[in-house]
């Protein structure tokens, strides 16, 4: 399996690229609600449209859950247990 990395703090996403990456899924799934930036600015889940969230993530990459990993055309975000379990399932092996 080939790995392609992108440092999206250095090579920021455009709105179009981020929309394409999300593939129509809700932007809130990939918004880092618990990040210091989101907490400092008082952002709360369910209070903004996808368009607003995408504009914020493009302007401030700290608001994008990390890492973003695409496996077999499916996007998985974050290091939490559900994300790790989904990645393991997509890769067909356990992650340590």
PDB file of N, CA and C in Angstrom:
ATOM      1  N   UNK A   1       0.841  -1.173   0.000  1.00  0.00           N
ATOM      2  CA  UNK A   1       0.000   0.000   0.000  1.00  0.00           C
ATOM      3  C   UNK A   1       0.890   1.240   0.000  1.00  0.00           C
ATOM      4  N   UNK A   2       0.600   2.164  -0.884  1.00  0.00           N
ATOM      5  CA  UNK A   2       1.396   3.381  -1.015  1.00  0.00           C
ATOM      6  C   UNK A   2       0.837   4.474  -0.111  1.00  0.00           C
ATOM      7  N   UNK A   3       1.738   5.179   0.556  1.00  0.00           N
ATOM      8  CA  UNK A   3       1.353   6.255   1.456  1.00  0.00           C
ATOM      9  C   UNK A   3       1.683   7.590   0.808  1.00  0.00           C
ATOM     10  N   UNK A   4       0.708   8.482   0.790  1.00  0.00           N
ATOM     11  CA  UNK A   4       0.911   9.834   0.282  1.00  0.00           C
ATOM     12  C   UNK A   4       0.622  10.783   1.426  1.00  0.00           C
ATOM     13  N   UNK A   5       1.604  11.580   1.785  1.00  0.00           N
ATOM     14  CA  UNK A   5       1.442  12.519   2.894  1.00  0.00           C
ATOM     15  C   UNK A   5       1.272  13.936   2.367  1.00  0.00           C
ATOM     16  N   UNK A   6       0.563  14.713   3.163  1.00  0.00           N
ATOM     17  CA  UNK A   6       0.396  16.134   2.854  1.00  0.00           C
ATOM     18  C   UNK A   6       0.431  16.887   4.169  1.00  0.00           C
ATOM     19  N   UNK A   7       1.336  17.817   4.278  1.00  0.00           N
ATOM     20  CA  UNK A   7       1.398  18.667   5.459  1.00  0.00           C
ATOM     21  C   UNK A   7       0.465  19.845   5.210  1.00  0.00           C
ATOM     22  N   UNK A   8      -0.778  19.707   5.668  1.00  0.00           N
ATOM     23  CA  UNK A   8      -1.754  20.717   5.285  1.00  0.00           C
ATOM     24  C   UNK A   8      -1.660  22.012   6.070  1.00  0.00           C
ATOM     25  N   UNK A   9      -0.653  22.142   6.909  1.00  0.00           N
ATOM     26  CA  UNK A   9      -0.345  23.450   7.479  1.00  0.00           C
ATOM     27  C   UNK A   9       0.542  24.222   6.507  1.00  0.00           C
ATOM     28  N   UNK A  10       1.381  23.481   5.766  1.00  0.00           N
ATOM     29  CA  UNK A  10       2.262  24.110   4.780  1.00  0.00           C
ATOM     30  C   UNK A  10       1.594  24.206   3.422  1.00  0.00           C
ATOM     31  N   UNK A  11       0.871  23.155   3.051  1.00  0.00           N
ATOM     32  CA  UNK A  11       0.164  23.111   1.766  1.00  0.00           C
ATOM     33  C   UNK A  11      -1.335  23.037   2.076  1.00  0.00           C
ATOM     34  N   UNK A  12      -1.912  24.184   2.327  1.00  0.00           N
ATOM     35  CA  UNK A  12      -3.303  24.246   2.788  1.00  0.00           C
ATOM     36  C   UNK A  12      -4.286  23.780   1.720  1.00  0.00           C
ATOM     37  N   UNK A  13      -5.393  23.239   2.201  1.00  0.00           N
ATOM     38  CA  UNK A  13      -6.473  22.837   1.310  1.00  0.00           C
ATOM     39  C   UNK A  13      -7.194  24.072   0.779  1.00  0.00           C
ATOM     40  N   UNK A  14      -7.696  23.952  -0.427  1.00  0.00           N
ATOM     41  CA  UNK A  14      -8.657  24.931  -0.923  1.00  0.00           C
ATOM     42  C   UNK A  14     -10.032  24.423  -0.495  1.00  0.00           C
ATOM     43  N   UNK A  15     -11.038  25.276  -0.583  1.00  0.00           N
ATOM     44  CA  UNK A  15     -12.399  24.817  -0.255  1.00  0.00           C
ATOM     45  C   UNK A  15     -12.788  23.643  -1.147  1.00  0.00           C
ATOM     46  N   UNK A  16     -12.470  23.754  -2.423  1.00  0.00           N
ATOM     47  CA  UNK A  16     -12.825  22.690  -3.373  1.00  0.00           C
ATOM     48  C   UNK A  16     -12.137  21.373  -3.009  1.00  0.00           C
ATOM     49  N   UNK A  17     -10.844  21.423  -2.683  1.00  0.00           N
ATOM     50  CA  UNK A  17     -10.119  20.207  -2.306  1.00  0.00           C
ATOM     51  C   UNK A  17     -10.710  19.576  -1.050  1.00  0.00           C
ATOM     52  N   UNK A  18     -11.026  20.402  -0.060  1.00  0.00           N
ATOM     53  CA  UNK A  18     -11.566  19.872   1.187  1.00  0.00           C
ATOM     54  C   UNK A  18     -12.948  19.266   0.961  1.00  0.00           C
ATOM     55  N   UNK A  19     -13.777  19.926   0.175  1.00  0.00           N
ATOM     56  CA  UNK A  19     -15.106  19.370  -0.149  1.00  0.00           C
ATOM     57  C   UNK A  19     -14.962  18.022  -0.858  1.00  0.00           C
ATOM     58  N   UNK A  20     -14.037  17.953  -1.799  1.00  0.00           N
ATOM     59  CA  UNK A  20     -13.820  16.706  -2.533  1.00  0.00           C
ATOM     60  C   UNK A  20     -13.340  15.605  -1.583  1.00  0.00           C
ATOM     61  N   UNK A  21     -12.423  15.941  -0.696  1.00  0.00           N
ATOM     62  CA  UNK A  21     -11.905  14.968   0.267  1.00  0.00           C
ATOM     63  C   UNK A  21     -13.015  14.453   1.184  1.00  0.00           C
ATOM     64  N   UNK A  22     -13.878  15.348   1.646  1.00  0.00           N
ATOM     65  CA  UNK A  22     -14.982  14.951   2.532  1.00  0.00           C
ATOM     66  C   UNK A  22     -16.020  14.115   1.809  1.00  0.00           C
ATOM     67  N   UNK A  23     -16.090  14.241   0.497  1.00  0.00           N
ATOM     68  CA  UNK A  23     -16.977  13.396  -0.303  1.00  0.00           C
ATOM     69  C   UNK A  23     -18.436  13.478   0.082  1.00  0.00           C
ATOM     70  N   UNK A  24     -18.899  14.663   0.452  1.00  0.00           N
ATOM     71  CA  UNK A  24     -20.312  14.835   0.794  1.00  0.00           C
ATOM     72  C   UNK A  24     -20.655  14.492   2.235  1.00  0.00           C
ATOM     73  N   UNK A  25     -19.687  14.009   2.997  1.00  0.00           N
ATOM     74  CA  UNK A  25     -19.955  13.715   4.410  1.00  0.00           C
ATOM     75  C   UNK A  25     -20.017  15.025   5.191  1.00  0.00           C
ATOM     76  N   UNK A  26     -20.702  15.045   6.316  1.00  0.00           N
ATOM     77  CA  UNK A  26     -20.825  16.278   7.100  1.00  0.00           C
ATOM     78  C   UNK A  26     -19.459  16.798   7.561  1.00  0.00           C
ATOM     79  N   UNK A  27     -19.229  18.088   7.334  1.00  0.00           N
ATOM     80  CA  UNK A  27     -17.954  18.704   7.715  1.00  0.00           C
ATOM     81  C   UNK A  27     -17.714  18.592   9.217  1.00  0.00           C
ATOM     82  N   UNK A  28     -18.778  18.569  10.004  1.00  0.00           N
ATOM     83  CA  UNK A  28     -18.653  18.475  11.453  1.00  0.00           C
ATOM     84  C   UNK A  28     -17.957  17.209  11.927  1.00  0.00           C
ATOM     85  N   UNK A  29     -17.986  16.134  11.108  1.00  0.00           N
ATOM     86  CA  UNK A  29     -17.294  14.891  11.455  1.00  0.00           C
ATOM     87  C   UNK A  29     -15.777  15.066  11.425  1.00  0.00           C
ATOM     88  N   UNK A  30     -15.310  16.062  10.693  1.00  0.00           N
ATOM     89  CA  UNK A  30     -13.883  16.259  10.486  1.00  0.00           C
ATOM     90  C   UNK A  30     -13.379  17.556  11.120  1.00  0.00           C
ATOM     91  N   UNK A  31     -14.262  18.237  11.818  1.00  0.00           N
ATOM     92  CA  UNK A  31     -13.925  19.483  12.499  1.00  0.00           C
ATOM     93  C   UNK A  31     -13.421  19.132  13.890  1.00  0.00           C
ATOM     94  N   UNK A  32     -12.312  19.711  14.276  1.00  0.00           N
ATOM     95  CA  UNK A  32     -11.710  19.406  15.571  1.00  0.00           C
ATOM     96  C   UNK A  32     -12.358  20.257  16.665  1.00  0.00           C
ATOM     97  N   UNK A  33     -13.512  19.805  17.125  1.00  0.00           N
ATOM     98  CA  UNK A  33     -14.302  20.549  18.105  1.00  0.00           C
ATOM     99  C   UNK A  33     -13.567  20.726  19.425  1.00  0.00           C
ATOM    100  N   UNK A  34     -12.692  19.789  19.755  1.00  0.00           N
ATOM    101  CA  UNK A  34     -11.994  19.855  21.044  1.00  0.00           C
ATOM    102  C   UNK A  34     -10.634  20.553  20.965  1.00  0.00           C
ATOM    103  N   UNK A  35     -10.304  21.061  19.799  1.00  0.00           N
ATOM    104  CA  UNK A  35      -9.010  21.737  19.663  1.00  0.00           C
ATOM    105  C   UNK A  35      -9.008  23.013  20.503  1.00  0.00           C
ATOM    106  N   UNK A  36      -7.834  23.425  20.951  1.00  0.00           N
ATOM    107  CA  UNK A  36      -7.748  24.675  21.706  1.00  0.00           C
ATOM    108  C   UNK A  36      -8.322  25.866  20.934  1.00  0.00           C
ATOM    109  N   UNK A  37      -8.104  25.873  19.618  1.00  0.00           N
ATOM    110  CA  UNK A  37      -8.622  26.975  18.795  1.00  0.00           C
ATOM    111  C   UNK A  37     -10.142  27.003  18.816  1.00  0.00           C
ATOM    112  N   UNK A  38     -10.781  25.857  18.620  1.00  0.00           N
ATOM    113  CA  UNK A  38     -12.246  25.800  18.612  1.00  0.00           C
ATOM    114  C   UNK A  38     -12.813  26.172  19.979  1.00  0.00           C
ATOM    115  N   UNK A  39     -12.183  25.679  21.040  1.00  0.00           N
ATOM    116  CA  UNK A  39     -12.670  26.003  22.392  1.00  0.00           C
ATOM    117  C   UNK A  39     -12.502  27.481  22.695  1.00  0.00           C
ATOM    118  N   UNK A  40     -11.347  28.032  22.319  1.00  0.00           N
ATOM    119  CA  UNK A  40     -11.077  29.450  22.570  1.00  0.00           C
ATOM    120  C   UNK A  40     -12.100  30.346  21.867  1.00  0.00           C
ATOM    121  N   UNK A  41     -12.483  29.949  20.652  1.00  0.00           N
ATOM    122  CA  UNK A  41     -13.430  30.740  19.875  1.00  0.00           C
ATOM    123  C   UNK A  41     -14.887  30.394  20.183  1.00  0.00           C
ATOM    124  N   UNK A  42     -15.101  29.397  21.034  1.00  0.00           N
ATOM    125  CA  UNK A  42     -16.450  29.046  21.466  1.00  0.00           C
ATOM    126  C   UNK A  42     -17.273  28.291  20.445  1.00  0.00           C
ATOM    127  N   UNK A  43     -16.618  27.608  19.501  1.00  0.00           N
ATOM    128  CA  UNK A  43     -17.355  26.837  18.496  1.00  0.00           C
ATOM    129  C   UNK A  43     -17.974  25.608  19.142  1.00  0.00           C
ATOM    130  N   UNK A  44     -19.237  25.368  18.840  1.00  0.00           N
ATOM    131  CA  UNK A  44     -19.980  24.231  19.396  1.00  0.00           C
ATOM    132  C   UNK A  44     -20.587  23.405  18.265  1.00  0.00           C
ATOM    133  N   UNK A  45     -20.577  22.070  18.399  1.00  0.00           N
ATOM    134  CA  UNK A  45     -21.193  21.211  17.384  1.00  0.00           C
ATOM    135  C   UNK A  45     -22.655  21.581  17.161  1.00  0.00           C
ATOM    136  N   UNK A  46     -23.054  21.527  15.898  1.00  0.00           N
ATOM    137  CA  UNK A  46     -24.447  21.772  15.549  1.00  0.00           C
ATOM    138  C   UNK A  46     -24.831  23.232  15.424  1.00  0.00           C
ATOM    139  N   UNK A  47     -23.867  24.135  15.526  1.00  0.00           N
ATOM    140  CA  UNK A  47     -24.198  25.559  15.475  1.00  0.00           C
ATOM    141  C   UNK A  47     -23.836  26.222  14.151  1.00  0.00           C
ATOM    142  N   UNK A  48     -23.167  25.480  13.243  1.00  0.00           N
ATOM    143  CA  UNK A  48     -22.730  26.071  11.979  1.00  0.00           C
ATOM    144  C   UNK A  48     -23.020  25.131  10.818  1.00  0.00           C
ATOM    145  N   UNK A  49     -23.183  25.728   9.653  1.00  0.00           N
ATOM    146  CA  UNK A  49     -23.424  24.944   8.438  1.00  0.00           C
ATOM    147  C   UNK A  49     -22.122  24.316   7.953  1.00  0.00           C
ATOM    148  N   UNK A  50     -22.251  23.341   7.051  1.00  0.00           N
ATOM    149  CA  UNK A  50     -21.068  22.735   6.452  1.00  0.00           C
ATOM    150  C   UNK A  50     -20.222  23.793   5.747  1.00  0.00           C
ATOM    151  N   UNK A  51     -20.872  24.713   5.043  1.00  0.00           N
ATOM    152  CA  UNK A  51     -20.134  25.765   4.342  1.00  0.00           C
ATOM    153  C   UNK A  51     -19.298  26.589   5.315  1.00  0.00           C
ATOM    154  N   UNK A  52     -19.875  26.954   6.449  1.00  0.00           N
ATOM    155  CA  UNK A  52     -19.138  27.723   7.456  1.00  0.00           C
ATOM    156  C   UNK A  52     -17.964  26.915   8.002  1.00  0.00           C
ATOM    157  N   UNK A  53     -18.210  25.658   8.327  1.00  0.00           N
ATOM    158  CA  UNK A  53     -17.158  24.808   8.878  1.00  0.00           C
ATOM    159  C   UNK A  53     -16.005  24.634   7.895  1.00  0.00           C
ATOM    160  N   UNK A  54     -16.326  24.414   6.639  1.00  0.00           N
ATOM    161  CA  UNK A  54     -15.289  24.232   5.620  1.00  0.00           C
ATOM    162  C   UNK A  54     -14.475  25.511   5.465  1.00  0.00           C
ATOM    163  N   UNK A  55     -15.128  26.656   5.432  1.00  0.00           N
ATOM    164  CA  UNK A  55     -14.388  27.926   5.340  1.00  0.00           C
ATOM    165  C   UNK A  55     -13.452  28.102   6.540  1.00  0.00           C
ATOM    166  N   UNK A  56     -13.933  27.754   7.720  1.00  0.00           N
ATOM    167  CA  UNK A  56     -13.091  27.862   8.920  1.00  0.00           C
ATOM    168  C   UNK A  56     -11.900  26.910   8.859  1.00  0.00           C
ATOM    169  N   UNK A  57     -12.124  25.680   8.409  1.00  0.00           N
ATOM    170  CA  UNK A  57     -11.041  24.696   8.329  1.00  0.00           C
ATOM    171  C   UNK A  57      -9.993  25.088   7.293  1.00  0.00           C
ATOM    172  N   UNK A  58     -10.441  25.682   6.192  1.00  0.00           N
ATOM    173  CA  UNK A  58      -9.501  26.140   5.167  1.00  0.00           C
ATOM    174  C   UNK A  58      -8.661  27.292   5.715  1.00  0.00           C
ATOM    175  N   UNK A  59      -9.299  28.200   6.432  1.00  0.00           N
ATOM    176  CA  UNK A  59      -8.598  29.359   6.981  1.00  0.00           C
ATOM    177  C   UNK A  59      -7.671  28.985   8.143  1.00  0.00           C
ATOM    178  N   UNK A  60      -8.065  27.982   8.920  1.00  0.00           N
ATOM    179  CA  UNK A  60      -7.298  27.595  10.110  1.00  0.00           C
ATOM    180  C   UNK A  60      -7.196  26.073  10.190  1.00  0.00           C
ATOM    181  N   UNK A  61      -6.107  25.485   9.642  1.00  0.00           N
ATOM    182  CA  UNK A  61      -5.964  24.034   9.625  1.00  0.00           C
ATOM    183  C   UNK A  61      -5.985  23.369  11.006  1.00  0.00           C
ATOM    184  N   UNK A  62      -5.752  24.115  12.078  1.00  0.00           N
ATOM    185  CA  UNK A  62      -5.873  23.536  13.421  1.00  0.00           C
ATOM    186  C   UNK A  62      -7.280  23.027  13.689  1.00  0.00           C
ATOM    187  N   UNK A  63      -8.237  23.469  12.900  1.00  0.00           N
ATOM    188  CA  UNK A  63      -9.622  23.062  13.100  1.00  0.00           C
ATOM    189  C   UNK A  63      -9.985  21.786  12.345  1.00  0.00           C
ATOM    190  N   UNK A  64      -9.012  21.190  11.649  1.00  0.00           N
ATOM    191  CA  UNK A  64      -9.232  19.924  10.939  1.00  0.00           C
ATOM    192  C   UNK A  64      -8.734  18.803  11.839  1.00  0.00           C
ATOM    193  N   UNK A  65      -9.581  17.788  12.065  1.00  0.00           N
ATOM    194  CA  UNK A  65      -9.137  16.618  12.835  1.00  0.00           C
ATOM    195  C   UNK A  65      -7.930  16.014  12.145  1.00  0.00           C
ATOM    196  N   UNK A  66      -7.009  15.550  12.963  1.00  0.00           N
ATOM    197  CA  UNK A  66      -5.811  14.936  12.420  1.00  0.00           C
ATOM    198  C   UNK A  66      -5.613  13.568  13.061  1.00  0.00           C
ATOM    199  N   UNK A  67      -5.048  12.666  12.302  1.00  0.00           N
ATOM    200  CA  UNK A  67      -4.754  12.754  10.880  1.00  0.00           C
ATOM    201  C   UNK A  67      -5.999  12.481  10.052  1.00  0.00           C
ATOM    202  N   UNK A  68      -5.951  12.861   8.805  1.00  0.00           N
ATOM    203  CA  UNK A  68      -6.952  12.453   7.820  1.00  0.00           C
ATOM    204  C   UNK A  68      -6.304  11.346   7.011  1.00  0.00           C
ATOM    205  N   UNK A  69      -6.960  10.208   6.929  1.00  0.00           N
ATOM    206  CA  UNK A  69      -6.414   9.067   6.200  1.00  0.00           C
ATOM    207  C   UNK A  69      -7.496   8.545   5.268  1.00  0.00           C
ATOM    208  N   UNK A  70      -7.126   8.358   4.011  1.00  0.00           N
ATOM    209  CA  UNK A  70      -8.039   7.764   3.040  1.00  0.00           C
ATOM    210  C   UNK A  70      -7.531   6.368   2.709  1.00  0.00           C
ATOM    211  N   UNK A  71      -8.386   5.375   2.913  1.00  0.00           N
ATOM    212  CA  UNK A  71      -8.052   3.988   2.605  1.00  0.00           C
ATOM    213  C   UNK A  71      -9.195   3.427   1.772  1.00  0.00           C
ATOM    214  N   UNK A  72      -8.855   2.931   0.597  1.00  0.00           N
ATOM    215  CA  UNK A  72      -9.883   2.353  -0.267  1.00  0.00           C
ATOM    216  C   UNK A  72     -11.009   3.323  -0.580  1.00  0.00           C
ATOM    217  N   UNK A  73     -10.681   4.603  -0.687  1.00  0.00           N
ATOM    218  CA  UNK A  73     -11.678   5.613  -1.012  1.00  0.00           C
ATOM    219  C   UNK A  73     -12.489   6.105   0.169  1.00  0.00           C
ATOM    220  N   UNK A  74     -12.231   5.572   1.367  1.00  0.00           N
ATOM    221  CA  UNK A  74     -12.969   6.005   2.557  1.00  0.00           C
ATOM    222  C   UNK A  74     -12.074   6.869   3.442  1.00  0.00           C
ATOM    223  N   UNK A  75     -12.621   7.997   3.882  1.00  0.00           N
ATOM    224  CA  UNK A  75     -11.890   8.939   4.722  1.00  0.00           C
ATOM    225  C   UNK A  75     -12.152   8.664   6.192  1.00  0.00           C
ATOM    226  N   UNK A  76     -11.064   8.570   6.964  1.00  0.00           N
ATOM    227  CA  UNK A  76     -11.133   8.357   8.407  1.00  0.00           C
ATOM    228  C   UNK A  76     -10.328   9.478   9.048  1.00  0.00           C
ATOM    229  N   UNK A  77     -10.856  10.040  10.135  1.00  0.00           N
ATOM    230  CA  UNK A  77     -10.179  11.157  10.795  1.00  0.00           C
ATOM    231  C   UNK A  77      -9.957  10.882  12.265  1.00  0.00           C
ATOM    232  N   UNK A  78      -8.781  11.273  12.743  1.00  0.00           N
ATOM    233  CA  UNK A  78      -8.503  11.237  14.169  1.00  0.00           C
ATOM    234  C   UNK A  78      -7.840   9.974  14.648  1.00  0.00           C
ATOM    235  N   UNK A  79      -7.448  10.022  15.930  1.00  0.00           N
ATOM    236  CA  UNK A  79      -6.775   8.907  16.579  1.00  0.00           C
ATOM    237  C   UNK A  79      -7.642   8.245  17.645  1.00  0.00           C
ATOM    238  N   UNK A  80      -8.925   8.601  17.711  1.00  0.00           N
ATOM    239  CA  UNK A  80      -9.765   8.005  18.746  1.00  0.00           C
ATOM    240  C   UNK A  80     -10.020   6.530  18.430  1.00  0.00           C
ATOM    241  N   UNK A  81     -10.554   5.809  19.394  1.00  0.00           N
ATOM    242  CA  UNK A  81     -10.748   4.356  19.232  1.00  0.00           C
ATOM    243  C   UNK A  81     -11.614   3.989  18.026  1.00  0.00           C
ATOM    244  N   UNK A  82     -12.759   4.662  17.811  1.00  0.00           N
ATOM    245  CA  UNK A  82     -13.550   4.302  16.628  1.00  0.00           C
ATOM    246  C   UNK A  82     -12.786   4.513  15.318  1.00  0.00           C
ATOM    247  N   UNK A  83     -12.014   5.589  15.219  1.00  0.00           N
ATOM    248  CA  UNK A  83     -11.251   5.847  13.997  1.00  0.00           C
ATOM    249  C   UNK A  83     -10.183   4.777  13.796  1.00  0.00           C
ATOM    250  N   UNK A  84      -9.483   4.432  14.871  1.00  0.00           N
ATOM    251  CA  UNK A  84      -8.455   3.387  14.776  1.00  0.00           C
ATOM    252  C   UNK A  84      -9.078   2.041  14.397  1.00  0.00           C
ATOM    253  N   UNK A  85     -10.234   1.739  14.961  1.00  0.00           N
ATOM    254  CA  UNK A  85     -10.909   0.475  14.637  1.00  0.00           C
ATOM    255  C   UNK A  85     -11.326   0.452  13.169  1.00  0.00           C
ATOM    256  N   UNK A  86     -11.835   1.578  12.665  1.00  0.00           N
ATOM    257  CA  UNK A  86     -12.257   1.654  11.260  1.00  0.00           C
ATOM    258  C   UNK A  86     -11.038   1.512  10.337  1.00  0.00           C
ATOM    259  N   UNK A  87      -9.929   2.169  10.677  1.00  0.00           N
ATOM    260  CA  UNK A  87      -8.710   2.034   9.875  1.00  0.00           C
ATOM    261  C   UNK A  87      -8.226   0.586   9.857  1.00  0.00           C
ATOM    262  N   UNK A  88      -8.236  -0.052  11.006  1.00  0.00           N
ATOM    263  CA  UNK A  88      -7.807  -1.447  11.089  1.00  0.00           C
ATOM    264  C   UNK A  88      -8.685  -2.330  10.215  1.00  0.00           C
ATOM    265  N   UNK A  89      -9.982  -2.067  10.242  1.00  0.00           N
ATOM    266  CA  UNK A  89     -10.919  -2.841   9.431  1.00  0.00           C
ATOM    267  C   UNK A  89     -10.623  -2.624   7.945  1.00  0.00           C
ATOM    268  N   UNK A  90     -10.396  -1.384   7.544  1.00  0.00           N
ATOM    269  CA  UNK A  90     -10.120  -1.085   6.145  1.00  0.00           C
ATOM    270  C   UNK A  90      -8.786  -1.673   5.691  1.00  0.00           C
ATOM    271  N   UNK A  91      -7.808  -1.673   6.590  1.00  0.00           N
ATOM    272  CA  UNK A  91      -6.492  -2.217   6.253  1.00  0.00           C
ATOM    273  C   UNK A  91      -6.433  -3.733   6.383  1.00  0.00           C
ATOM    274  N   UNK A  92      -7.424  -4.316   7.058  1.00  0.00           N
ATOM    275  CA  UNK A  92      -7.456  -5.763   7.226  1.00  0.00           C
ATOM    276  C   UNK A  92      -6.466  -6.274   8.249  1.00  0.00           C
ATOM    277  N   UNK A  93      -6.074  -5.402   9.198  1.00  0.00           N
ATOM    278  CA  UNK A  93      -5.149  -5.833  10.246  1.00  0.00           C
ATOM    279  C   UNK A  93      -5.306  -4.917  11.460  1.00  0.00           C
ATOM    280  N   UNK A  94      -4.778  -5.399  12.582  1.00  0.00           N
ATOM    281  CA  UNK A  94      -4.846  -4.606  13.807  1.00  0.00           C
ATOM    282  C   UNK A  94      -3.790  -3.512  13.785  1.00  0.00           C
ATOM    283  N   UNK A  95      -4.116  -2.397  14.420  1.00  0.00           N
ATOM    284  CA  UNK A  95      -3.164  -1.306  14.563  1.00  0.00           C
ATOM    285  C   UNK A  95      -2.655  -1.306  16.001  1.00  0.00           C
ATOM    286  N   UNK A  96      -1.350  -1.140  16.152  1.00  0.00           N
ATOM    287  CA  UNK A  96      -0.800  -1.110  17.517  1.00  0.00           C
ATOM    288  C   UNK A  96      -0.686   0.312  18.012  1.00  0.00           C
TER     289      UNK A  96
END
